[in-house]
Amino acid sequence: MLGNIIVLLIIAAMLAGAIAKIVIDKRNGVKCSGCSCRSYACPSKNACSIELFDSSGEQSS
C-alpha cells in the first residue's frame, strides 16, 4: 500500500513539474516549449539551428 502511494506521489510530482514548465515558458513568451533551440521566434522545430542526424550518421534535411 505504501509503495502505491509513493509511486502515485512521484507521478504527480512529474506531472506538476511538466505543467509548471509549460506555464513558465508561456509566460516568458516561448512559442514552442518543447523545442530545443529556445528561440522566442521559432515557428517550428525545423527552424532551429541544431543540426539533426539520422541513424546512419548522415545529416538529415
PDB file of N, CA and C in Angstrom:
ATOM      1  N   MET A   1       0.826  -1.198   0.000  1.00  0.00           N
ATOM      2  CA  MET A   1       0.000   0.000   0.000  1.00  0.00           C
ATOM      3  C   MET A   1       0.868   1.260   0.000  1.00  0.00           C
ATOM      4  N   LEU A   2       1.904   1.251   0.826  1.00  0.00           N
ATOM      5  CA  LEU A   2       2.782   2.423   0.895  1.00  0.00           C
ATOM      6  C   LEU A   2       3.528   2.615  -0.425  1.00  0.00           C
ATOM      7  N   GLY A   3       3.894   1.503  -1.092  1.00  0.00           N
ATOM      8  CA  GLY A   3       4.572   1.590  -2.381  1.00  0.00           C
ATOM      9  C   GLY A   3       3.701   2.250  -3.431  1.00  0.00           C
ATOM     10  N   ASN A   4       2.416   1.937  -3.423  1.00  0.00           N
ATOM     11  CA  ASN A   4       1.488   2.561  -4.374  1.00  0.00           C
ATOM     12  C   ASN A   4       1.378   4.062  -4.155  1.00  0.00           C
ATOM     13  N   ILE A   5       1.373   4.468  -2.910  1.00  0.00           N
ATOM     14  CA  ILE A   5       1.279   5.896  -2.588  1.00  0.00           C
ATOM     15  C   ILE A   5       2.531   6.623  -3.044  1.00  0.00           C
ATOM     16  N   ILE A   6       3.700   6.010  -2.850  1.00  0.00           N
ATOM     17  CA  ILE A   6       4.956   6.635  -3.258  1.00  0.00           C
ATOM     18  C   ILE A   6       5.002   6.787  -4.779  1.00  0.00           C
ATOM     19  N   VAL A   7       4.607   5.749  -5.500  1.00  0.00           N
ATOM     20  CA  VAL A   7       4.585   5.816  -6.965  1.00  0.00           C
ATOM     21  C   VAL A   7       3.616   6.891  -7.430  1.00  0.00           C
ATOM     22  N   LEU A   8       2.455   6.972  -6.815  1.00  0.00           N
ATOM     23  CA  LEU A   8       1.470   7.991  -7.164  1.00  0.00           C
ATOM     24  C   LEU A   8       2.017   9.392  -6.907  1.00  0.00           C
ATOM     25  N   LEU A   9       2.723   9.591  -5.802  1.00  0.00           N
ATOM     26  CA  LEU A   9       3.307  10.901  -5.498  1.00  0.00           C
ATOM     27  C   LEU A   9       4.404  11.272  -6.501  1.00  0.00           C
ATOM     28  N   ILE A  10       5.202  10.291  -6.917  1.00  0.00           N
ATOM     29  CA  ILE A  10       6.248  10.558  -7.899  1.00  0.00           C
ATOM     30  C   ILE A  10       5.640  10.954  -9.236  1.00  0.00           C
ATOM     31  N   ILE A  11       4.610  10.238  -9.672  1.00  0.00           N
ATOM     32  CA  ILE A  11       3.945  10.575 -10.933  1.00  0.00           C
ATOM     33  C   ILE A  11       3.286  11.945 -10.851  1.00  0.00           C
ATOM     34  N   ALA A  12       2.659  12.251  -9.722  1.00  0.00           N
ATOM     35  CA  ALA A  12       2.028  13.560  -9.547  1.00  0.00           C
ATOM     36  C   ALA A  12       3.063  14.685  -9.567  1.00  0.00           C
ATOM     37  N   ALA A  13       4.234  14.449  -8.964  1.00  0.00           N
ATOM     38  CA  ALA A  13       5.296  15.457  -8.964  1.00  0.00           C
ATOM     39  C   ALA A  13       5.829  15.689 -10.375  1.00  0.00           C
ATOM     40  N   MET A  14       5.985  14.619 -11.141  1.00  0.00           N
ATOM     41  CA  MET A  14       6.456  14.758 -12.522  1.00  0.00           C
ATOM     42  C   MET A  14       5.444  15.525 -13.368  1.00  0.00           C
ATOM     43  N   LEU A  15       4.181  15.227 -13.203  1.00  0.00           N
ATOM     44  CA  LEU A  15       3.129  15.911 -13.940  1.00  0.00           C
ATOM     45  C   LEU A  15       3.066  17.390 -13.559  1.00  0.00           C
ATOM     46  N   ALA A  16       3.170  17.677 -12.271  1.00  0.00           N
ATOM     47  CA  ALA A  16       3.149  19.068 -11.809  1.00  0.00           C
ATOM     48  C   ALA A  16       4.356  19.837 -12.350  1.00  0.00           C
ATOM     49  N   GLY A  17       5.514  19.186 -12.398  1.00  0.00           N
ATOM     50  CA  GLY A  17       6.714  19.831 -12.939  1.00  0.00           C
ATOM     51  C   GLY A  17       6.573  20.144 -14.418  1.00  0.00           C
ATOM     52  N   ALA A  18       5.990  19.219 -15.165  1.00  0.00           N
ATOM     53  CA  ALA A  18       5.792  19.436 -16.601  1.00  0.00           C
ATOM     54  C   ALA A  18       4.818  20.583 -16.846  1.00  0.00           C
ATOM     55  N   ILE A  19       3.742  20.614 -16.092  1.00  0.00           N
ATOM     56  CA  ILE A  19       2.757  21.698 -16.238  1.00  0.00           C
ATOM     57  C   ILE A  19       3.380  23.033 -15.857  1.00  0.00           C
ATOM     58  N   ALA A  20       4.172  23.055 -14.776  1.00  0.00           N
ATOM     59  CA  ALA A  20       4.822  24.287 -14.345  1.00  0.00           C
ATOM     60  C   ALA A  20       5.799  24.795 -15.406  1.00  0.00           C
ATOM     61  N   LYS A  21       6.534  23.892 -16.051  1.00  0.00           N
ATOM     62  CA  LYS A  21       7.474  24.295 -17.095  1.00  0.00           C
ATOM     63  C   LYS A  21       6.745  24.916 -18.273  1.00  0.00           C
ATOM     64  N   ILE A  22       5.641  24.329 -18.680  1.00  0.00           N
ATOM     65  CA  ILE A  22       4.870  24.865 -19.802  1.00  0.00           C
ATOM     66  C   ILE A  22       4.315  26.243 -19.457  1.00  0.00           C
ATOM     67  N   VAL A  23       3.779  26.397 -18.254  1.00  0.00           N
ATOM     68  CA  VAL A  23       3.216  27.689 -17.838  1.00  0.00           C
ATOM     69  C   VAL A  23       4.305  28.758 -17.783  1.00  0.00           C
ATOM     70  N   ILE A  24       5.467  28.430 -17.218  1.00  0.00           N
ATOM     71  CA  ILE A  24       6.563  29.398 -17.121  1.00  0.00           C
ATOM     72  C   ILE A  24       7.064  29.778 -18.507  1.00  0.00           C
ATOM     73  N   ASP A  25       7.213  28.789 -19.395  1.00  0.00           N
ATOM     74  CA  ASP A  25       7.662  29.087 -20.760  1.00  0.00           C
ATOM     75  C   ASP A  25       6.661  29.982 -21.481  1.00  0.00           C
ATOM     76  N   LYS A  26       5.385  29.723 -21.332  1.00  0.00           N
ATOM     77  CA  LYS A  26       4.373  30.551 -21.988  1.00  0.00           C
ATOM     78  C   LYS A  26       4.385  31.974 -21.437  1.00  0.00           C
ATOM     79  N   ARG A  27       4.604  32.126 -20.140  1.00  0.00           N
ATOM     80  CA  ARG A  27       4.680  33.477 -19.553  1.00  0.00           C
ATOM     81  C   ARG A  27       5.901  34.221 -20.056  1.00  0.00           C
ATOM     82  N   ASN A  28       6.986  33.490 -20.348  1.00  0.00           N
ATOM     83  CA  ASN A  28       8.212  34.114 -20.846  1.00  0.00           C
ATOM     84  C   ASN A  28       8.185  34.342 -22.348  1.00  0.00           C
ATOM     85  N   GLY A  29       7.122  33.924 -23.027  1.00  0.00           N
ATOM     86  CA  GLY A  29       6.973  34.183 -24.440  1.00  0.00           C
ATOM     87  C   GLY A  29       7.563  33.132 -25.357  1.00  0.00           C
ATOM     88  N   VAL A  30       7.943  31.984 -24.823  1.00  0.00           N
ATOM     89  CA  VAL A  30       8.482  30.914 -25.663  1.00  0.00           C
ATOM     90  C   VAL A  30       7.330  30.304 -26.441  1.00  0.00           C
ATOM     91  N   LYS A  31       7.466  30.270 -27.776  1.00  0.00           N
ATOM     92  CA  LYS A  31       6.369  29.779 -28.616  1.00  0.00           C
ATOM     93  C   LYS A  31       6.241  28.262 -28.556  1.00  0.00           C
ATOM     94  N   CYS A  32       7.357  27.552 -28.618  1.00  0.00           N
ATOM     95  CA  CYS A  32       7.300  26.087 -28.557  1.00  0.00           C
ATOM     96  C   CYS A  32       8.206  25.612 -27.422  1.00  0.00           C
ATOM     97  N   SER A  33       7.637  25.293 -26.298  1.00  0.00           N
ATOM     98  CA  SER A  33       8.424  24.962 -25.107  1.00  0.00           C
ATOM     99  C   SER A  33       9.161  23.638 -25.238  1.00  0.00           C
ATOM    100  N   GLY A  34       8.762  22.795 -26.177  1.00  0.00           N
ATOM    101  CA  GLY A  34       9.454  21.531 -26.377  1.00  0.00           C
ATOM    102  C   GLY A  34      10.620  21.631 -27.332  1.00  0.00           C
ATOM    103  N   CYS A  35      10.765  22.759 -28.005  1.00  0.00           N
ATOM    104  CA  CYS A  35      11.829  22.942 -28.989  1.00  0.00           C
ATOM    105  C   CYS A  35      13.151  23.192 -28.273  1.00  0.00           C
ATOM    106  N   SER A  36      14.184  22.521 -28.714  1.00  0.00           N
ATOM    107  CA  SER A  36      15.473  22.638 -28.036  1.00  0.00           C
ATOM    108  C   SER A  36      16.231  23.907 -28.372  1.00  0.00           C
ATOM    109  N   CYS A  37      15.786  24.673 -29.360  1.00  0.00           N
ATOM    110  CA  CYS A  37      16.531  25.883 -29.739  1.00  0.00           C
ATOM    111  C   CYS A  37      16.232  27.049 -28.792  1.00  0.00           C
ATOM    112  N   ARG A  38      15.140  26.981 -28.049  1.00  0.00           N
ATOM    113  CA  ARG A  38      14.751  28.018 -27.080  1.00  0.00           C
ATOM    114  C   ARG A  38      14.613  29.395 -27.703  1.00  0.00           C
ATOM    115  N   SER A  39      14.300  29.449 -28.983  1.00  0.00           N
ATOM    116  CA  SER A  39      14.133  30.723 -29.662  1.00  0.00           C
ATOM    117  C   SER A  39      12.732  31.264 -29.404  1.00  0.00           C
ATOM    118  N   TYR A  40      12.638  32.565 -29.213  1.00  0.00           N
ATOM    119  CA  TYR A  40      11.335  33.169 -28.973  1.00  0.00           C
ATOM    120  C   TYR A  40      10.533  33.311 -30.268  1.00  0.00           C
ATOM    121  N   ALA A  41      11.215  33.274 -31.421  1.00  0.00           N
ATOM    122  CA  ALA A  41      10.547  33.418 -32.703  1.00  0.00           C
ATOM    123  C   ALA A  41      10.538  32.117 -33.489  1.00  0.00           C
ATOM    124  N   CYS A  42      10.785  30.997 -32.853  1.00  0.00           N
ATOM    125  CA  CYS A  42      10.881  29.703 -33.526  1.00  0.00           C
ATOM    126  C   CYS A  42       9.488  29.200 -33.891  1.00  0.00           C
ATOM    127  N   PRO A  43       9.114  29.198 -35.165  1.00  0.00           N
ATOM    128  CA  PRO A  43       7.774  28.752 -35.547  1.00  0.00           C
ATOM    129  C   PRO A  43       7.630  27.235 -35.515  1.00  0.00           C
ATOM    130  N   SER A  44       8.728  26.526 -35.682  1.00  0.00           N
ATOM    131  CA  SER A  44       8.675  25.065 -35.660  1.00  0.00           C
ATOM    132  C   SER A  44      10.049  24.512 -35.353  1.00  0.00           C
ATOM    133  N   LYS A  45      10.118  23.214 -35.110  1.00  0.00           N
ATOM    134  CA  LYS A  45      11.406  22.589 -34.825  1.00  0.00           C
ATOM    135  C   LYS A  45      12.328  22.619 -36.035  1.00  0.00           C
ATOM    136  N   ASN A  46      11.781  22.725 -37.238  1.00  0.00           N
ATOM    137  CA  ASN A  46      12.611  22.761 -38.432  1.00  0.00           C
ATOM    138  C   ASN A  46      13.387  24.061 -38.556  1.00  0.00           C
ATOM    139  N   ALA A  47      12.973  25.113 -37.856  1.00  0.00           N
ATOM    140  CA  ALA A  47      13.646  26.393 -37.956  1.00  0.00           C
ATOM    141  C   ALA A  47      14.805  26.513 -36.968  1.00  0.00           C
ATOM    142  N   CYS A  48      15.006  25.526 -36.147  1.00  0.00           N
ATOM    143  CA  CYS A  48      16.099  25.567 -35.174  1.00  0.00           C
ATOM    144  C   CYS A  48      17.437  25.426 -35.874  1.00  0.00           C
ATOM    145  N   SER A  49      18.479  25.975 -35.273  1.00  0.00           N
ATOM    146  CA  SER A  49      19.800  25.914 -35.878  1.00  0.00           C
ATOM    147  C   SER A  49      20.553  24.636 -35.511  1.00  0.00           C
ATOM    148  N   ILE A  50      19.949  23.743 -34.776  1.00  0.00           N
ATOM    149  CA  ILE A  50      20.591  22.497 -34.378  1.00  0.00           C
ATOM    150  C   ILE A  50      20.550  21.531 -35.553  1.00  0.00           C
ATOM    151  N   GLU A  51      21.707  20.944 -35.885  1.00  0.00           N
ATOM    152  CA  GLU A  51      21.763  20.011 -36.996  1.00  0.00           C
ATOM    153  C   GLU A  51      21.295  18.641 -36.537  1.00  0.00           C
ATOM    154  N   LEU A  52      20.438  18.019 -37.331  1.00  0.00           N
ATOM    155  CA  LEU A  52      19.896  16.714 -36.993  1.00  0.00           C
ATOM    156  C   LEU A  52      20.564  15.640 -37.836  1.00  0.00           C
ATOM    157  N   PHE A  53      20.813  14.481 -37.238  1.00  0.00           N
ATOM    158  CA  PHE A  53      21.420  13.365 -37.932  1.00  0.00           C
ATOM    159  C   PHE A  53      20.507  12.162 -37.821  1.00  0.00           C
ATOM    160  N   ASP A  54      20.427  11.386 -38.898  1.00  0.00           N
ATOM    161  CA  ASP A  54      19.613  10.183 -38.855  1.00  0.00           C
ATOM    162  C   ASP A  54      20.434   9.029 -38.282  1.00  0.00           C
ATOM    163  N   SER A  55      19.866   7.830 -38.236  1.00  0.00           N
ATOM    164  CA  SER A  55      20.513   6.692 -37.598  1.00  0.00           C
ATOM    165  C   SER A  55      21.786   6.252 -38.315  1.00  0.00           C
ATOM    166  N   SER A  56      21.941   6.588 -39.604  1.00  0.00           N
ATOM    167  CA  SER A  56      23.148   6.195 -40.331  1.00  0.00           C
ATOM    168  C   SER A  56      24.288   7.185 -40.135  1.00  0.00           C
ATOM    169  N   GLY A  57      24.034   8.297 -39.428  1.00  0.00           N
ATOM    170  CA  GLY A  57      25.073   9.283 -39.175  1.00  0.00           C
ATOM    171  C   GLY A  57      25.126  10.386 -40.200  1.00  0.00           C
ATOM    172  N   GLU A  58      24.255  10.341 -41.207  1.00  0.00           N
ATOM    173  CA  GLU A  58      24.214  11.378 -42.223  1.00  0.00           C
ATOM    174  C   GLU A  58      23.278  12.483 -41.787  1.00  0.00           C
ATOM    175  N   GLN A  59      23.609  13.693 -42.209  1.00  0.00           N
ATOM    176  CA  GLN A  59      22.789  14.845 -41.843  1.00  0.00           C
ATOM    177  C   GLN A  59      21.464  14.788 -42.588  1.00  0.00           C
ATOM    178  N   SER A  60      20.377  14.963 -41.828  1.00  0.00           N
ATOM    179  CA  SER A  60      19.043  14.960 -42.453  1.00  0.00           C
ATOM    180  C   SER A  60      18.656  16.398 -42.787  1.00  0.00           C
ATOM    181  N   SER A  61      17.702  16.523 -43.689  1.00  0.00           N
ATOM    182  CA  SER A  61      17.302  17.866 -44.127  1.00  0.00           C
ATOM    183  C   SER A  61      16.291  18.487 -43.223  1.00  0.00           C
TER     184      SER A  61
END
